[in-house]
Structure formats: structure tokens, C-alpha cells
Amino acid sequence: SIVKEVTTYDYLDFDEFLSMMEKFIAYEKDQFQIVFRDFDDDGSGSIDISELKPLLAHLRLIPLRAMINEALSIVDADGNGELDFEEFVSFLKVYRRAEGFTTAEALELHGIFDAFSAQGGGAFGELPADHLADALVQGFGAHVTDVAQGLESQLMSGQGVTKSSLATSLSNSGKPEGVSFAEFLIFARRTREAAMDKLKGDYRSFSGKEGDQDMLEVAAQGGFAVADADGNGAVSEAELRVWLKNIGYTPLKQNLEEMFAEVDKDGSCELDFNEFFDFMLIFMQREGFRKSVVAEFRKTFDRFDEDGSGEISALELADLFRDLGYSATLDELHSFVSKVDANGSNQLDFREYLRLMRLYREEELRRIELVFLDFQEPKTGLIHQTKLAEALAALNNEAPKSVLRKQKDNSFDDFVKLADSCRSDRVAKERKLAGFAEE
């Protein structure tokens, strides 16, 4: 209707476009004013974070805590944690500037964009259409592969960032045009939204404003509700451990505590839906590993990526495994590669390699768990200190007597930590014997 006010034709000249944009901006601001009033529950003329989250969800923006805090720090001039309408409009500008990603997230995505742009041989500042899925998987993890491939298919068909029955994004050569970084951010936002929809389940809104549903009613579907075993609308660390175990992950205490602390900003020791989604994003992006472990994996990966292509082969992977102290046959590695090589290149980028390490780690943890169950005391559920050497031997590991003397009875997490330290010590000794300097 706004376009019709400007012209009766199908196309706009530049002046008509400017006129249309002026009218649209005024219309959008009026609509924001209406929504702002609807969500200003106490009629104070300002909204706080508790009111802001459902408002953003109503506008179909993902209300992630990190982005909210970053945008608030920029626009909340008086620092009272509340926004009047003009501050709210400024907040939306900041929020939408990078499609809802924080500055740190946008920088990371830009690095991925640049790497795949160069790898694809596209024009400067342009990501080739057939590299979109790989770039998105690199940014968000293997769990978004289907979504990423769907978006790439959309782009390859010439639909660009907006679905259309017309192939409007094909170049003169008939090939699909690449995407700029701004367009890549749109695809990245859609990928994250799809991940959130998958987590929420098949309900339409979790804002508490649609269909008179409150947060507890809405959260009654999807992954959050399954994790929230007692149905109190929040997920405790204990509930999170059970849920992760049920979906195929071994939730080690130190890993869980690190990520839990990152998202539980209010210190309640429980996660609401948005905190739960934050947690799952971090968990999936790191494949359940701690920050320091991912950094170490990255360092090792780069060392074995000798040509700087951003990928390693199965043969290089075998050498890499030996360097880390893991024992796996070439057949086992090929089996793992076939499970994570989403694009069928027989080469692994870092995201695929990280996923492979998670699969291998889960198998290793299952072996450790079987040994732990064999040696644990029925009454305490722990391995007695005097049985630790024998338990480690069952894993083809050994620890110095000085280390074992300092050990107490081991829980499963303690035993995993001990087994890992034995492997690290063995690798360090082997590297020293081989004449490698410590890094």
C-alpha cells in the first residue's frame, strides 16, 4: 500500500524509492510505538528486560541475552536498565545492524565468510553460492547441515535472500550470484532461527502474548520441556545432565559447569528458555568441549593443515590422532570421516574435524564408563583409591605411584580426568623421546 501511494507503476525511480522509504520508516515507527505500548505492562512509558524479551520475540527477533546486553550498553543512556520509546528504537537499530549477532559473533562470522570467499575463488567480498552451506556449518556446527543445505539450494536456484518464484539472483552467465557479507548475515540469522525453532518444538510463539499462552504453557513442547523434568519452567544443572545423556552426550562436570556459568547470568543455578537456548548454541558450536580444549584442537588442526587450505585429509587425520595420543585404526577413522564429511569432499574442515572428535570422544568415554562400572564400589558408587591402578590398566593406561597416592576415591568425572592426564603424560614423554621440543 505504501508503494501504491508513491507510484502506480511496477518500478520505482530513485526519487520515488526515497519517498517510499521515508513513508515506510514513519509507518514502521508507528507500528513499533503500538507494540511498545502493548508490552509496557505497567504503563510506565518505559520497558525493562523482563518486558523487552517477549517484545523482541513478538517481533520475531531472537532475544538472546548477550546481544540484548550489548545493545543495552550502547543505547541505555542513563544506565537504569530500562528503555523509553526513543531508546527502544535505537536499540532495534543496533540489534538489527548485524542481524541480532553480537560484535564478537559478527567478527567470527566475517572470518568464516572471508575464508570461504577466498577458498571459492569468488570476487573480493563475495561468497560463492555453492559455498554457503559449508560456511554456515562452519559457523554453527553439524547440527544445522540440513538447514544450511536448504538455504544453499534456495540461493543456487536464483532466489537470493528472499524466496521468489522468479530466479532474480542469476548472473548474466546463468550462474547464481554470490552473496555479500550483509546477505551472509541474513542467512546466518535464518540458520540460528531454524535451530531455535527445532529446539522449541512445533509451537508458534514463546512470547507469552500469542493465544494467551504463558511461558510455561509454551515451553510444554520441544527440547526445553523434555529437559525441564519437574515442569517448573527452568532447567537445573542436574536436569541438564540427564537430558544431555539422553540425546547422546556424556555431560562431564567441568564441561557443563563452564558452559552453565556462561549463560546463567543471574546466578539462579537454573536456566530459563532463553538461557537454555544460549547454552545449547554454545554446546553445539563447541561440540560439548570446553573453550581451552577447542582452542587446543584448533592449534593442532592448523599445525597439520600444512598447505593452509583449511582442510585435512584422512591420512593427515591419522597422524593428528597419534599426535594427540589417541589410538584409532585407519578403518575406524574412515568410518568417522564418513559420518561427518557433510559435503563428501573426503577432506575435513575444522568444524567437521571438531564433530569427529566429539564422536570419537563419546566412544572413548563409553569405554571409560564400562571400566568405571566394573571397578566402582556398589555402596559408594566410587572407585576405591587402591583399585585405580588396576582400573587404569584395563584402559591400557598407567599413572605414577606418586600420582595415585594423591588420589582419593574416584567418581566417574574424577576417573575420566585421571585417564586423560595419563594419556597427556604419555604423549609428552613420547614427544620428548622423539626429540620434539615442548610447545
Protein backbone atom coordinates (compact mmCIF):
# COMPACT_ATOMS: atom_id res chain seq x y z
CA SER A 1 0.00 0.00 0.00
CA ILE A 2 2.92 2.38 0.67
CA VAL A 3 4.33 1.73 -2.81
CA LYS A 4 0.93 2.48 -4.36
CA GLU A 5 0.94 5.86 -2.62
CA VAL A 6 4.18 6.66 -4.44
CA THR A 7 3.60 5.23 -7.92
CA THR A 8 1.11 3.25 -9.95
CA TYR A 9 3.89 1.57 -11.92
CA ASP A 10 5.73 -1.69 -11.22
CA TYR A 11 9.11 0.02 -10.93
CA LEU A 12 10.44 2.91 -8.85
CA ASP A 13 12.92 5.53 -9.91
CA PHE A 14 15.41 6.76 -7.28
CA ASP A 15 13.32 9.73 -6.10
CA GLU A 16 10.25 7.51 -5.78
CA PHE A 17 12.32 4.99 -3.85
CA LEU A 18 13.45 7.70 -1.41
CA SER A 19 9.85 8.83 -0.96
CA MET A 20 8.72 5.25 -0.35
CA MET A 21 11.45 4.70 2.25
CA GLU A 22 10.52 7.88 4.12
CA LYS A 23 6.91 6.72 4.31
CA PHE A 24 7.94 3.20 5.32
CA ILE A 25 10.23 4.41 8.11
CA ALA A 26 7.41 6.56 9.52
CA TYR A 27 4.96 3.64 9.24
CA GLU A 28 7.41 1.23 10.91
CA LYS A 29 8.00 3.65 13.78
CA ASP A 30 4.23 3.97 14.32
CA GLN A 31 3.95 0.17 14.44
CA PHE A 32 6.82 -0.04 16.93
CA GLN A 33 5.02 2.55 19.07
CA ILE A 34 1.89 0.35 19.15
CA VAL A 35 3.90 -2.74 20.08
CA PHE A 36 5.88 -0.78 22.68
CA ARG A 37 2.65 0.30 24.40
CA ASP A 38 1.26 -3.25 24.30
CA PHE A 39 4.30 -4.62 26.09
CA ASP A 40 4.70 -1.76 28.55
CA ASP A 41 2.73 -3.77 31.10
CA ASP A 42 2.88 -1.26 33.93
CA GLY A 43 2.21 1.76 31.70
CA SER A 44 5.37 3.49 32.90
CA GLY A 45 6.41 4.70 29.45
CA SER A 46 9.50 2.50 29.56
CA ILE A 47 10.24 -1.23 29.35
CA ASP A 48 12.70 -3.32 31.32
CA ILE A 49 14.42 -6.54 30.29
CA SER A 50 11.53 -8.71 31.52
CA GLU A 51 9.23 -6.81 29.15
CA LEU A 52 11.83 -6.50 26.38
CA LYS A 53 12.36 -10.23 25.84
CA PRO A 54 8.74 -11.09 24.95
CA LEU A 55 8.53 -7.90 22.86
CA LEU A 56 11.51 -8.97 20.76
CA ALA A 57 10.04 -12.45 20.36
CA HIS A 58 6.78 -10.85 19.19
CA LEU A 59 8.78 -9.01 16.51
CA ARG A 60 10.31 -12.39 15.54
CA LEU A 61 13.74 -11.36 16.81
CA ILE A 62 15.68 -13.89 18.88
CA PRO A 63 16.01 -12.46 22.42
CA LEU A 64 19.46 -13.77 23.27
CA ARG A 65 20.95 -12.37 26.45
CA ALA A 66 24.39 -11.49 25.06
CA MET A 67 23.01 -9.35 22.23
CA ILE A 68 20.44 -7.70 24.49
CA ASN A 69 23.14 -6.73 27.00
CA GLU A 70 25.44 -5.40 24.26
CA ALA A 71 22.69 -3.31 22.65
CA LEU A 72 21.50 -2.03 26.04
CA SER A 73 25.02 -0.90 26.92
CA ILE A 74 25.01 1.26 23.78
CA VAL A 75 21.53 2.85 23.94
CA ASP A 76 20.57 2.90 27.63
CA ALA A 77 22.00 6.36 28.23
CA ASP A 78 21.10 6.67 31.91
CA GLY A 79 22.06 3.07 32.69
CA ASN A 80 18.84 2.31 34.58
CA GLY A 81 18.19 -0.94 32.70
CA GLU A 82 15.01 0.46 31.15
CA LEU A 83 14.26 1.88 27.70
CA ASP A 84 11.90 4.71 26.80
CA PHE A 85 10.47 4.59 23.27
CA GLU A 86 13.27 6.53 21.56
CA GLU A 87 15.88 4.36 23.30
CA PHE A 88 13.91 1.31 22.17
CA VAL A 89 14.01 2.46 18.52
CA SER A 90 17.78 2.98 18.86
CA PHE A 91 18.03 -0.46 20.46
CA LEU A 92 16.34 -2.05 17.43
CA LYS A 93 18.75 -0.26 15.08
CA VAL A 94 21.72 -1.69 16.98
CA TYR A 95 20.10 -5.12 17.22
CA ARG A 96 19.27 -5.33 13.51
CA ARG A 97 22.55 -3.82 12.28
CA ALA A 98 24.23 -7.23 12.50
CA GLU A 99 21.05 -9.34 12.26
CA GLY A 100 20.94 -9.88 16.02
CA PHE A 101 24.54 -11.07 16.37
CA THR A 102 26.92 -9.55 18.89
CA THR A 103 30.02 -7.74 17.69
CA ALA A 104 32.18 -10.75 18.63
CA GLU A 105 29.84 -13.16 16.80
CA ALA A 106 29.75 -10.91 13.72
CA LEU A 107 33.55 -10.75 13.64
CA GLU A 108 33.77 -14.54 13.87
CA LEU A 109 31.24 -14.91 11.05
CA HIS A 110 33.19 -12.37 8.99
CA GLY A 111 36.31 -14.50 9.39
CA ILE A 112 34.41 -17.56 8.14
CA PHE A 113 32.93 -15.52 5.28
CA ASP A 114 36.39 -14.29 4.21
CA ALA A 115 37.91 -17.79 4.41
CA PHE A 116 35.22 -19.42 2.26
CA SER A 117 35.14 -16.48 -0.15
CA ALA A 118 38.85 -16.87 -0.80
CA GLN A 119 38.59 -20.66 -0.95
CA GLY A 120 35.77 -20.46 -3.50
CA GLY A 121 37.67 -18.13 -5.78
CA GLY A 122 34.83 -15.62 -5.82
CA ALA A 123 35.05 -11.89 -6.30
CA PHE A 124 36.51 -9.88 -3.43
CA GLY A 125 33.95 -9.59 -0.63
CA GLU A 126 31.63 -12.17 -2.20
CA LEU A 127 30.86 -15.71 -1.07
CA PRO A 128 30.16 -18.13 -3.97
CA ALA A 129 26.65 -19.60 -3.76
CA ASP A 130 27.92 -23.19 -3.67
CA HIS A 131 29.99 -22.46 -0.53
CA LEU A 132 27.12 -21.10 1.57
CA ALA A 133 26.20 -24.37 3.31
CA ASP A 134 29.81 -25.16 4.24
CA ALA A 135 30.28 -21.65 5.65
CA LEU A 136 27.09 -21.87 7.74
CA VAL A 137 28.01 -25.32 9.09
CA GLN A 138 31.44 -23.96 9.98
CA GLY A 139 29.76 -21.18 11.94
CA PHE A 140 27.04 -23.13 13.72
CA GLY A 141 28.00 -26.80 13.74
CA ALA A 142 26.98 -30.03 12.02
CA HIS A 143 23.51 -29.95 13.58
CA VAL A 144 22.45 -27.22 11.10
CA THR A 145 23.59 -29.15 7.98
CA ASP A 146 20.07 -29.77 6.63
CA VAL A 147 19.04 -26.15 7.14
CA ALA A 148 22.27 -24.85 5.58
CA GLN A 149 21.92 -27.09 2.54
CA GLY A 150 18.31 -25.94 2.11
CA LEU A 151 19.39 -22.29 2.15
CA GLU A 152 22.17 -23.04 -0.35
CA SER A 153 19.68 -24.76 -2.66
CA GLN A 154 17.48 -21.68 -2.42
CA LEU A 155 20.42 -19.48 -3.38
CA MET A 156 21.57 -21.81 -6.18
CA SER A 157 18.09 -21.67 -7.71
CA GLY A 158 18.48 -17.92 -8.03
CA GLN A 159 16.13 -16.90 -5.22
CA GLY A 160 18.71 -14.89 -3.29
CA VAL A 161 17.92 -13.86 0.28
CA THR A 162 14.17 -13.70 -0.39
CA LYS A 163 12.13 -16.61 -1.69
CA SER A 164 10.54 -15.89 -5.05
CA SER A 165 9.09 -17.81 -7.95
CA LEU A 166 11.38 -15.74 -10.18
CA ALA A 167 15.09 -16.52 -10.46
CA THR A 168 16.10 -12.95 -9.83
CA SER A 169 19.59 -13.63 -8.50
CA LEU A 170 21.11 -15.31 -11.53
CA SER A 171 24.00 -13.53 -13.19
CA ASN A 172 24.25 -12.93 -16.93
CA SER A 173 26.19 -16.19 -17.25
CA GLY A 174 23.26 -18.11 -15.80
CA LYS A 175 25.15 -18.92 -12.62
CA PRO A 176 23.76 -17.92 -9.22
CA GLU A 177 25.26 -14.76 -7.86
CA GLY A 178 27.38 -14.86 -4.73
CA VAL A 179 26.40 -13.13 -1.51
CA SER A 180 27.87 -10.14 0.27
CA PHE A 181 28.68 -10.29 3.98
CA ALA A 182 25.46 -8.41 4.80
CA GLU A 183 23.49 -11.07 2.90
CA PHE A 184 25.52 -13.83 4.55
CA LEU A 185 24.46 -12.45 7.95
CA ILE A 186 20.82 -12.80 6.87
CA PHE A 187 21.38 -16.46 6.01
CA ALA A 188 23.24 -16.89 9.32
CA ARG A 189 20.28 -15.38 11.20
CA ARG A 190 17.87 -17.73 9.41
CA THR A 191 20.09 -20.66 10.34
CA ARG A 192 20.05 -19.67 14.00
CA GLU A 193 16.29 -19.14 13.92
CA ALA A 194 15.83 -22.62 12.45
CA ALA A 195 17.99 -24.08 15.23
CA MET A 196 15.85 -22.30 17.80
CA ASP A 197 12.60 -23.48 16.17
CA LYS A 198 13.91 -27.03 16.28
CA LEU A 199 14.67 -26.66 19.96
CA LYS A 200 11.33 -25.07 20.80
CA GLY A 201 9.24 -27.67 19.03
CA ASP A 202 6.21 -27.07 16.87
CA TYR A 203 4.64 -24.16 18.66
CA ARG A 204 4.13 -20.73 17.17
CA SER A 205 5.42 -18.37 19.82
CA PHE A 206 7.09 -18.37 23.22
CA SER A 207 6.44 -14.68 23.86
CA GLY A 208 3.55 -15.20 26.28
CA LYS A 209 1.44 -12.78 24.21
CA GLU A 210 0.04 -15.01 21.48
CA GLY A 211 -3.03 -17.11 22.19
CA ASP A 212 -2.90 -16.27 25.91
CA GLN A 213 -0.05 -18.73 26.38
CA ASP A 214 2.38 -18.06 29.17
CA MET A 215 5.97 -19.24 29.15
CA LEU A 216 5.21 -22.50 30.97
CA GLU A 217 2.42 -23.44 28.56
CA VAL A 218 4.52 -22.63 25.53
CA ALA A 219 7.56 -24.46 26.89
CA ALA A 220 5.44 -27.61 27.28
CA GLN A 221 6.68 -28.71 23.86
CA GLY A 222 10.12 -29.24 22.35
CA GLY A 223 13.53 -29.93 23.87
CA PHE A 224 13.21 -27.42 26.71
CA ALA A 225 10.15 -29.15 28.16
CA VAL A 226 11.83 -32.55 27.96
CA ALA A 227 14.85 -31.20 29.81
CA ASP A 228 12.64 -29.43 32.39
CA ALA A 229 11.73 -32.71 34.08
CA ASP A 230 9.91 -31.19 37.07
CA GLY A 231 7.97 -28.75 34.89
CA ASN A 232 8.84 -25.63 36.89
CA GLY A 233 9.78 -23.60 33.79
CA ALA A 234 13.54 -23.76 34.41
CA VAL A 235 16.25 -26.36 33.84
CA SER A 236 18.63 -27.17 36.67
CA GLU A 237 22.16 -28.48 36.16
CA ALA A 238 21.04 -31.92 37.29
CA GLU A 239 18.16 -31.91 34.75
CA LEU A 240 20.55 -30.72 32.06
CA ARG A 241 22.92 -33.62 32.74
CA VAL A 242 20.09 -36.14 32.36
CA TRP A 243 18.84 -34.53 29.15
CA LEU A 244 22.28 -34.39 27.53
CA LYS A 245 22.83 -38.03 28.41
CA ASN A 246 19.51 -38.90 26.76
CA ILE A 247 20.47 -37.18 23.49
CA GLY A 248 23.80 -39.00 23.27
CA TYR A 249 26.31 -36.77 25.08
CA THR A 250 28.33 -37.60 28.17
CA PRO A 251 27.96 -34.49 30.37
CA LEU A 252 31.27 -34.17 32.17
CA LYS A 253 31.11 -31.96 35.25
CA GLN A 254 33.84 -29.46 34.33
CA ASN A 255 32.48 -29.00 30.77
CA LEU A 256 28.94 -28.49 32.00
CA GLU A 257 29.92 -26.09 34.76
CA GLU A 258 31.94 -23.88 32.38
CA MET A 259 29.09 -23.50 29.87
CA PHE A 260 26.42 -23.25 32.54
CA ALA A 261 28.29 -20.35 34.13
CA GLU A 262 28.49 -18.56 30.76
CA VAL A 263 24.71 -18.43 30.30
CA ASP A 264 23.36 -18.39 33.87
CA LYS A 265 23.96 -14.67 34.23
CA ASP A 266 21.53 -14.17 37.12
CA GLY A 267 23.24 -16.87 39.19
CA SER A 268 20.00 -18.73 39.82
CA CYS A 269 21.62 -22.11 39.02
CA GLU A 270 18.71 -22.74 36.67
CA LEU A 271 18.15 -21.90 33.00
CA ASP A 272 15.00 -20.31 31.63
CA PHE A 273 14.15 -20.98 27.97
CA ASN A 274 16.38 -18.24 26.54
CA GLU A 275 19.32 -19.25 28.75
CA PHE A 276 18.71 -22.86 27.74
CA PHE A 277 18.87 -21.89 24.07
CA ASP A 278 22.06 -19.90 24.71
CA PHE A 279 23.51 -22.98 26.38
CA MET A 280 22.59 -25.28 23.51
CA LEU A 281 24.08 -22.89 20.94
CA ILE A 282 27.37 -22.84 22.83
CA PHE A 283 27.26 -26.58 23.46
CA MET A 284 26.62 -27.45 19.81
CA GLN A 285 29.13 -24.95 18.45
CA ARG A 286 31.85 -26.39 20.69
CA GLU A 287 30.55 -29.96 20.35
CA GLY A 288 30.40 -30.16 24.14
CA PHE A 289 34.08 -29.37 24.65
CA ARG A 290 35.49 -26.67 26.94
CA LYS A 291 36.93 -23.48 25.41
CA SER A 292 40.51 -24.49 26.18
CA VAL A 293 40.06 -27.90 24.54
CA VAL A 294 38.57 -26.39 21.37
CA ALA A 295 41.50 -23.93 21.25
CA GLU A 296 43.96 -26.82 21.56
CA PHE A 297 42.15 -28.77 18.83
CA ARG A 298 42.31 -25.68 16.60
CA LYS A 299 46.04 -25.30 17.24
CA THR A 300 46.68 -28.96 16.37
CA PHE A 301 44.42 -28.82 13.30
CA ASP A 302 46.26 -25.76 11.93
CA ARG A 303 49.61 -27.46 12.52
CA PHE A 304 48.55 -30.45 10.37
CA ASP A 305 46.91 -28.27 7.73
CA GLU A 306 50.29 -27.76 6.13
CA ASP A 307 49.06 -26.13 2.91
CA GLY A 308 46.79 -23.70 4.76
CA SER A 309 43.72 -24.87 2.80
CA GLY A 310 41.57 -25.05 5.93
CA GLU A 311 41.13 -28.80 5.44
CA ILE A 312 42.94 -32.02 6.29
CA SER A 313 42.79 -35.47 4.67
CA ALA A 314 42.12 -38.83 6.33
CA LEU A 315 45.85 -39.63 6.21
CA GLU A 316 46.71 -36.35 7.92
CA LEU A 317 43.97 -37.15 10.43
CA ALA A 318 45.72 -40.42 11.35
CA ASP A 319 48.93 -38.51 12.09
CA LEU A 320 46.97 -35.92 14.04
CA PHE A 321 45.35 -38.61 16.19
CA ARG A 322 48.70 -40.14 17.02
CA ASP A 323 49.99 -36.68 17.94
CA LEU A 324 47.11 -36.31 20.40
CA GLY A 325 47.76 -39.73 21.90
CA TYR A 326 44.62 -41.37 20.53
CA SER A 327 44.79 -44.86 19.07
CA ALA A 328 42.49 -45.48 16.11
CA THR A 329 42.90 -47.66 13.02
CA LEU A 330 42.66 -46.18 9.53
CA ASP A 331 39.38 -48.08 9.02
CA GLU A 332 37.96 -46.55 12.19
CA LEU A 333 38.99 -43.08 11.07
CA HIS A 334 37.44 -43.59 7.63
CA SER A 335 34.23 -44.63 9.37
CA PHE A 336 34.26 -41.45 11.46
CA VAL A 337 35.06 -39.32 8.40
CA SER A 338 32.08 -40.77 6.51
CA LYS A 339 29.81 -39.66 9.37
CA VAL A 340 30.98 -36.05 9.48
CA ASP A 341 32.05 -35.24 5.92
CA ALA A 342 28.85 -33.38 5.07
CA ASN A 343 29.96 -32.21 1.61
CA GLY A 344 31.54 -35.55 0.60
CA SER A 345 34.92 -33.98 -0.19
CA ASN A 346 36.94 -36.62 1.70
CA GLN A 347 38.57 -33.65 3.39
CA LEU A 348 37.68 -32.27 6.80
CA ASP A 349 37.37 -28.60 7.64
CA PHE A 350 37.74 -27.63 11.28
CA ARG A 351 34.01 -27.87 12.08
CA GLU A 352 33.83 -31.40 10.65
CA TYR A 353 37.02 -32.31 12.49
CA LEU A 354 35.55 -30.99 15.76
CA ARG A 355 32.42 -33.09 15.20
CA LEU A 356 34.59 -36.13 14.52
CA MET A 357 36.48 -35.53 17.77
CA ARG A 358 33.14 -35.47 19.62
CA LEU A 359 32.13 -38.82 18.10
CA TYR A 360 35.49 -40.32 18.99
CA ARG A 361 35.36 -38.82 22.48
CA GLU A 362 31.94 -40.34 23.12
CA GLU A 363 33.23 -43.79 22.19
CA GLU A 364 36.25 -43.26 24.44
CA LEU A 365 34.01 -42.13 27.32
CA ARG A 366 31.82 -45.20 26.86
CA ARG A 367 34.91 -47.42 27.24
CA ILE A 368 35.96 -45.50 30.35
CA GLU A 369 32.44 -45.79 31.76
CA LEU A 370 32.39 -49.58 31.30
CA VAL A 371 35.68 -49.88 33.20
CA PHE A 372 34.39 -47.49 35.87
CA LEU A 373 31.26 -49.60 36.36
CA ASP A 374 33.40 -52.74 36.69
CA PHE A 375 35.55 -51.25 39.45
CA GLN A 376 33.17 -48.96 41.36
CA GLU A 377 32.11 -49.83 44.90
CA PRO A 378 28.39 -50.68 44.99
CA LYS A 379 27.78 -48.73 48.20
CA THR A 380 29.61 -45.52 47.32
CA GLY A 381 29.45 -45.53 43.52
CA LEU A 382 33.17 -44.64 43.53
CA ILE A 383 36.36 -46.45 42.57
CA HIS A 384 38.42 -47.02 45.69
CA GLN A 385 41.84 -45.42 45.62
CA THR A 386 43.53 -48.83 45.93
CA LYS A 387 41.86 -50.06 42.69
CA LEU A 388 42.74 -47.10 40.49
CA ALA A 389 45.94 -48.60 39.08
CA GLU A 390 44.10 -51.78 38.06
CA ALA A 391 41.25 -49.77 36.52
CA LEU A 392 43.70 -47.65 34.53
CA ALA A 393 45.48 -50.80 33.33
CA ALA A 394 42.16 -52.01 31.93
CA LEU A 395 42.30 -48.90 29.71
CA ASN A 396 45.96 -49.59 28.80
CA ASN A 397 46.96 -46.62 30.94
CA GLU A 398 49.18 -46.25 33.93
CA ALA A 399 49.92 -43.47 36.39
CA PRO A 400 52.99 -42.95 38.57
CA LYS A 401 52.60 -44.17 42.13
CA SER A 402 53.18 -40.62 43.33
CA VAL A 403 50.08 -39.52 41.40
CA LEU A 404 47.98 -42.43 42.62
CA ARG A 405 48.91 -41.77 46.26
CA LYS A 406 47.44 -38.27 45.97
CA GLN A 407 44.16 -39.58 44.56
CA LYS A 408 41.03 -40.02 46.64
CA ASP A 409 38.25 -42.43 45.79
CA ASN A 410 37.22 -41.50 42.23
CA SER A 411 33.83 -40.51 40.89
CA PHE A 412 33.27 -41.03 37.15
CA ASP A 413 34.34 -37.45 36.39
CA ASP A 414 37.45 -37.87 38.56
CA PHE A 415 38.34 -41.10 36.78
CA VAL A 416 37.92 -39.52 33.33
CA LYS A 417 40.19 -36.66 34.40
CA LEU A 418 42.79 -39.16 35.67
CA ALA A 419 42.66 -41.23 32.47
CA ASP A 420 43.01 -38.05 30.36
CA SER A 421 46.02 -36.91 32.38
CA CYS A 422 47.67 -40.32 31.90
CA ARG A 423 47.22 -40.01 28.12
CA SER A 424 48.63 -36.45 28.14
CA ASP A 425 51.64 -37.56 30.19
CA ARG A 426 52.27 -40.46 27.82
CA VAL A 427 52.14 -38.17 24.78
CA ALA A 428 54.52 -35.69 26.42
CA LYS A 429 57.02 -38.47 27.19
CA GLU A 430 56.79 -39.88 23.66
CA ARG A 431 57.31 -36.45 22.13
CA LYS A 432 60.33 -35.87 24.39
CA LEU A 433 61.85 -39.22 23.43
CA ALA A 434 61.30 -38.40 19.76
CA GLY A 435 63.24 -35.17 20.24
CA PHE A 436 60.33 -32.71 19.97
CA ALA A 437 60.62 -29.53 21.98
CA GLU A 438 57.78 -28.64 24.30
CA GLU A 439 55.49 -26.01 22.75
